[in-house]
Amino acid sequence: MFTWFLDRLKEPSSWAGLSALALALGLNESEWSAIGNAGAAIAAAVAVVLKERAA
């Protein structure tokens, strides 16, 4: 499930869909920026915890 979610985040259409959802919900630029910053913080925390794959 987690791998599926990460794979979807790699697709540009997922980001376009999130942007469209934010517009539909009426989020302004500063709110969308805060959400993006929170997402970046979560991604950074996950990157610290996950083990790298062997080559």
PDB file of N, CA and C in Angstrom:
ATOM      1  N   MET A   1       0.831  -1.196   0.000  1.00  0.00           N
ATOM      2  CA  MET A   1       0.000   0.000   0.000  1.00  0.00           C
ATOM      3  C   MET A   1       0.872   1.255   0.000  1.00  0.00           C
ATOM      4  N   PHE A   2       1.884   1.265   0.868  1.00  0.00           N
ATOM      5  CA  PHE A   2       2.758   2.438   0.954  1.00  0.00           C
ATOM      6  C   PHE A   2       3.538   2.632  -0.342  1.00  0.00           C
ATOM      7  N   THR A   3       3.988   1.526  -0.937  1.00  0.00           N
ATOM      8  CA  THR A   3       4.715   1.601  -2.204  1.00  0.00           C
ATOM      9  C   THR A   3       3.812   2.147  -3.301  1.00  0.00           C
ATOM     10  N   TRP A   4       2.561   1.705  -3.310  1.00  0.00           N
ATOM     11  CA  TRP A   4       1.602   2.199  -4.303  1.00  0.00           C
ATOM     12  C   TRP A   4       1.442   3.713  -4.157  1.00  0.00           C
ATOM     13  N   PHE A   5       1.315   4.176  -2.913  1.00  0.00           N
ATOM     14  CA  PHE A   5       1.146   5.603  -2.656  1.00  0.00           C
ATOM     15  C   PHE A   5       2.369   6.388  -3.138  1.00  0.00           C
ATOM     16  N   LEU A   6       3.559   5.895  -2.845  1.00  0.00           N
ATOM     17  CA  LEU A   6       4.778   6.569  -3.291  1.00  0.00           C
ATOM     18  C   LEU A   6       4.880   6.573  -4.814  1.00  0.00           C
ATOM     19  N   ASP A   7       4.470   5.493  -5.448  1.00  0.00           N
ATOM     20  CA  ASP A   7       4.481   5.453  -6.911  1.00  0.00           C
ATOM     21  C   ASP A   7       3.542   6.489  -7.499  1.00  0.00           C
ATOM     22  N   ARG A   8       2.381   6.687  -6.878  1.00  0.00           N
ATOM     23  CA  ARG A   8       1.436   7.696  -7.372  1.00  0.00           C
ATOM     24  C   ARG A   8       2.004   9.116  -7.212  1.00  0.00           C
ATOM     25  N   LEU A   9       2.768   9.347  -6.162  1.00  0.00           N
ATOM     26  CA  LEU A   9       3.334  10.669  -5.944  1.00  0.00           C
ATOM     27  C   LEU A   9       4.407  11.019  -6.971  1.00  0.00           C
ATOM     28  N   LYS A  10       4.932  10.023  -7.651  1.00  0.00           N
ATOM     29  CA  LYS A  10       5.943  10.257  -8.681  1.00  0.00           C
ATOM     30  C   LYS A  10       5.321  10.680 -10.008  1.00  0.00           C
ATOM     31  N   GLU A  11       4.019  10.573 -10.122  1.00  0.00           N
ATOM     32  CA  GLU A  11       3.332  10.888 -11.368  1.00  0.00           C
ATOM     33  C   GLU A  11       2.849  12.338 -11.374  1.00  0.00           C
ATOM     34  N   PRO A  12       3.157  13.079 -12.451  1.00  0.00           N
ATOM     35  CA  PRO A  12       2.722  14.481 -12.537  1.00  0.00           C
ATOM     36  C   PRO A  12       1.213  14.650 -12.440  1.00  0.00           C
ATOM     37  N   SER A  13       0.462  13.669 -12.922  1.00  0.00           N
ATOM     38  CA  SER A  13      -0.997  13.793 -12.875  1.00  0.00           C
ATOM     39  C   SER A  13      -1.511  13.796 -11.443  1.00  0.00           C
ATOM     40  N   SER A  14      -0.781  13.148 -10.530  1.00  0.00           N
ATOM     41  CA  SER A  14      -1.191  13.172  -9.114  1.00  0.00           C
ATOM     42  C   SER A  14      -1.085  14.579  -8.566  1.00  0.00           C
ATOM     43  N   TRP A  15      -0.009  15.278  -8.911  1.00  0.00           N
ATOM     44  CA  TRP A  15       0.182  16.646  -8.432  1.00  0.00           C
ATOM     45  C   TRP A  15      -0.834  17.590  -9.074  1.00  0.00           C
ATOM     46  N   ALA A  16      -1.142  17.344 -10.334  1.00  0.00           N
ATOM     47  CA  ALA A  16      -2.170  18.153 -10.994  1.00  0.00           C
ATOM     48  C   ALA A  16      -3.528  17.933 -10.328  1.00  0.00           C
ATOM     49  N   GLY A  17      -3.824  16.682  -9.977  1.00  0.00           N
ATOM     50  CA  GLY A  17      -5.074  16.380  -9.291  1.00  0.00           C
ATOM     51  C   GLY A  17      -5.146  17.027  -7.919  1.00  0.00           C
ATOM     52  N   LEU A  18      -4.034  17.010  -7.188  1.00  0.00           N
ATOM     53  CA  LEU A  18      -4.007  17.675  -5.878  1.00  0.00           C
ATOM     54  C   LEU A  18      -4.215  19.183  -6.018  1.00  0.00           C
ATOM     55  N   SER A  19      -3.632  19.755  -7.047  1.00  0.00           N
ATOM     56  CA  SER A  19      -3.819  21.190  -7.281  1.00  0.00           C
ATOM     57  C   SER A  19      -5.271  21.513  -7.598  1.00  0.00           C
ATOM     58  N   ALA A  20      -5.888  20.678  -8.432  1.00  0.00           N
ATOM     59  CA  ALA A  20      -7.295  20.881  -8.772  1.00  0.00           C
ATOM     60  C   ALA A  20      -8.173  20.730  -7.535  1.00  0.00           C
ATOM     61  N   LEU A  21      -7.851  19.769  -6.690  1.00  0.00           N
ATOM     62  CA  LEU A  21      -8.607  19.573  -5.454  1.00  0.00           C
ATOM     63  C   LEU A  21      -8.470  20.786  -4.537  1.00  0.00           C
ATOM     64  N   ALA A  22      -7.271  21.322  -4.453  1.00  0.00           N
ATOM     65  CA  ALA A  22      -7.046  22.502  -3.619  1.00  0.00           C
ATOM     66  C   ALA A  22      -7.863  23.686  -4.130  1.00  0.00           C
ATOM     67  N   LEU A  23      -7.915  23.857  -5.442  1.00  0.00           N
ATOM     68  CA  LEU A  23      -8.723  24.942  -6.006  1.00  0.00           C
ATOM     69  C   LEU A  23     -10.202  24.721  -5.726  1.00  0.00           C
ATOM     70  N   ALA A  24     -10.647  23.482  -5.843  1.00  0.00           N
ATOM     71  CA  ALA A  24     -12.055  23.177  -5.590  1.00  0.00           C
ATOM     72  C   ALA A  24     -12.420  23.426  -4.134  1.00  0.00           C
ATOM     73  N   LEU A  25     -11.476  23.199  -3.234  1.00  0.00           N
ATOM     74  CA  LEU A  25     -11.729  23.429  -1.817  1.00  0.00           C
ATOM     75  C   LEU A  25     -11.578  24.899  -1.427  1.00  0.00           C
ATOM     76  N   GLY A  26     -11.100  25.708  -2.363  1.00  0.00           N
ATOM     77  CA  GLY A  26     -10.972  27.133  -2.107  1.00  0.00           C
ATOM     78  C   GLY A  26      -9.723  27.518  -1.342  1.00  0.00           C
ATOM     79  N   LEU A  27      -8.675  26.715  -1.427  1.00  0.00           N
ATOM     80  CA  LEU A  27      -7.431  27.054  -0.742  1.00  0.00           C
ATOM     81  C   LEU A  27      -6.718  28.173  -1.495  1.00  0.00           C
ATOM     82  N   ASN A  28      -6.198  29.123  -0.751  1.00  0.00           N
ATOM     83  CA  ASN A  28      -5.445  30.187  -1.412  1.00  0.00           C
ATOM     84  C   ASN A  28      -3.976  29.792  -1.495  1.00  0.00           C
ATOM     85  N   GLU A  29      -3.186  30.660  -2.093  1.00  0.00           N
ATOM     86  CA  GLU A  29      -1.782  30.336  -2.349  1.00  0.00           C
ATOM     87  C   GLU A  29      -0.988  30.064  -1.072  1.00  0.00           C
ATOM     88  N   SER A  30      -1.213  30.840  -0.033  1.00  0.00           N
ATOM     89  CA  SER A  30      -0.449  30.640   1.203  1.00  0.00           C
ATOM     90  C   SER A  30      -0.836  29.334   1.902  1.00  0.00           C
ATOM     91  N   GLU A  31      -2.112  28.972   1.831  1.00  0.00           N
ATOM     92  CA  GLU A  31      -2.544  27.703   2.427  1.00  0.00           C
ATOM     93  C   GLU A  31      -1.964  26.521   1.651  1.00  0.00           C
ATOM     94  N   TRP A  32      -1.968  26.614   0.316  1.00  0.00           N
ATOM     95  CA  TRP A  32      -1.408  25.559  -0.509  1.00  0.00           C
ATOM     96  C   TRP A  32       0.095  25.431  -0.258  1.00  0.00           C
ATOM     97  N   SER A  33       0.756  26.572  -0.054  1.00  0.00           N
ATOM     98  CA  SER A  33       2.182  26.565   0.245  1.00  0.00           C
ATOM     99  C   SER A  33       2.452  25.868   1.579  1.00  0.00           C
ATOM    100  N   ALA A  34       1.623  26.129   2.567  1.00  0.00           N
ATOM    101  CA  ALA A  34       1.784  25.479   3.871  1.00  0.00           C
ATOM    102  C   ALA A  34       1.603  23.969   3.765  1.00  0.00           C
ATOM    103  N   ILE A  35       0.653  23.537   2.953  1.00  0.00           N
ATOM    104  CA  ILE A  35       0.434  22.108   2.737  1.00  0.00           C
ATOM    105  C   ILE A  35       1.650  21.490   2.048  1.00  0.00           C
ATOM    106  N   GLY A  36       2.192  22.191   1.068  1.00  0.00           N
ATOM    107  CA  GLY A  36       3.384  21.713   0.378  1.00  0.00           C
ATOM    108  C   GLY A  36       4.575  21.601   1.313  1.00  0.00           C
ATOM    109  N   ASN A  37       4.731  22.578   2.185  1.00  0.00           N
ATOM    110  CA  ASN A  37       5.825  22.530   3.157  1.00  0.00           C
ATOM    111  C   ASN A  37       5.653  21.376   4.133  1.00  0.00           C
ATOM    112  N   ALA A  38       4.431  21.125   4.550  1.00  0.00           N
ATOM    113  CA  ALA A  38       4.171  19.996   5.446  1.00  0.00           C
ATOM    114  C   ALA A  38       4.470  18.673   4.735  1.00  0.00           C
ATOM    115  N   GLY A  39       4.087  18.577   3.477  1.00  0.00           N
ATOM    116  CA  GLY A  39       4.382  17.374   2.697  1.00  0.00           C
ATOM    117  C   GLY A  39       5.875  17.157   2.539  1.00  0.00           C
ATOM    118  N   ALA A  40       6.614  18.239   2.321  1.00  0.00           N
ATOM    119  CA  ALA A  40       8.068  18.138   2.206  1.00  0.00           C
ATOM    120  C   ALA A  40       8.686  17.684   3.520  1.00  0.00           C
ATOM    121  N   ALA A  41       8.168  18.171   4.623  1.00  0.00           N
ATOM    122  CA  ALA A  41       8.686  17.769   5.935  1.00  0.00           C
ATOM    123  C   ALA A  41       8.421  16.282   6.193  1.00  0.00           C
ATOM    124  N   ILE A  42       7.244  15.821   5.814  1.00  0.00           N
ATOM    125  CA  ILE A  42       6.914  14.405   5.985  1.00  0.00           C
ATOM    126  C   ILE A  42       7.812  13.546   5.099  1.00  0.00           C
ATOM    127  N   ALA A  43       8.022  13.977   3.856  1.00  0.00           N
ATOM    128  CA  ALA A  43       8.885  13.230   2.942  1.00  0.00           C
ATOM    129  C   ALA A  43      10.313  13.175   3.470  1.00  0.00           C
ATOM    130  N   ALA A  44      10.780  14.256   4.053  1.00  0.00           N
ATOM    131  CA  ALA A  44      12.130  14.274   4.621  1.00  0.00           C
ATOM    132  C   ALA A  44      12.236  13.310   5.796  1.00  0.00           C
ATOM    133  N   ALA A  45      11.232  13.286   6.636  1.00  0.00           N
ATOM    134  CA  ALA A  45      11.244  12.375   7.781  1.00  0.00           C
ATOM    135  C   ALA A  45      11.223  10.917   7.320  1.00  0.00           C
ATOM    136  N   VAL A  46      10.439  10.626   6.299  1.00  0.00           N
ATOM    137  CA  VAL A  46      10.376   9.262   5.766  1.00  0.00           C
ATOM    138  C   VAL A  46      11.717   8.879   5.144  1.00  0.00           C
ATOM    139  N   ALA A  47      12.356   9.821   4.449  1.00  0.00           N
ATOM    140  CA  ALA A  47      13.651   9.545   3.825  1.00  0.00           C
ATOM    141  C   ALA A  47      14.711   9.220   4.860  1.00  0.00           C
ATOM    142  N   VAL A  48      14.623   9.812   6.021  1.00  0.00           N
ATOM    143  CA  VAL A  48      15.591   9.538   7.086  1.00  0.00           C
ATOM    144  C   VAL A  48      15.384   8.125   7.629  1.00  0.00           C
ATOM    145  N   VAL A  49      14.141   7.669   7.691  1.00  0.00           N
ATOM    146  CA  VAL A  49      13.817   6.389   8.319  1.00  0.00           C
ATOM    147  C   VAL A  49      13.989   5.204   7.367  1.00  0.00           C
ATOM    148  N   LEU A  50      13.665   5.389   6.088  1.00  0.00           N
ATOM    149  CA  LEU A  50      13.693   4.272   5.152  1.00  0.00           C
ATOM    150  C   LEU A  50      15.105   3.798   4.844  1.00  0.00           C
ATOM    151  N   LYS A  51      15.236   2.499   4.681  1.00  0.00           N
ATOM    152  CA  LYS A  51      16.516   1.905   4.307  1.00  0.00           C
ATOM    153  C   LYS A  51      16.641   1.949   2.796  1.00  0.00           C
ATOM    154  N   GLU A  52      17.846   2.217   2.290  1.00  0.00           N
ATOM    155  CA  GLU A  52      18.062   2.272   0.859  1.00  0.00           C
ATOM    156  C   GLU A  52      18.122   0.867   0.280  1.00  0.00           C
ATOM    157  N   ARG A  53      17.715   0.758  -0.973  1.00  0.00           N
ATOM    158  CA  ARG A  53      17.732  -0.530  -1.648  1.00  0.00           C
ATOM    159  C   ARG A  53      19.151  -0.873  -2.083  1.00  0.00           C
ATOM    160  N   ALA A  54      19.466  -2.146  -2.082  1.00  0.00           N
ATOM    161  CA  ALA A  54      20.770  -2.602  -2.556  1.00  0.00           C
ATOM    162  C   ALA A  54      20.819  -2.492  -4.080  1.00  0.00           C
ATOM    163  N   ALA A  55      21.960  -2.124  -4.594  1.00  0.00           N
ATOM    164  CA  ALA A  55      22.100  -1.948  -6.051  1.00  0.00           C
ATOM    165  C   ALA A  55      22.272  -3.250  -6.773  1.00  0.00           C
TER     166      ALA A  55
END
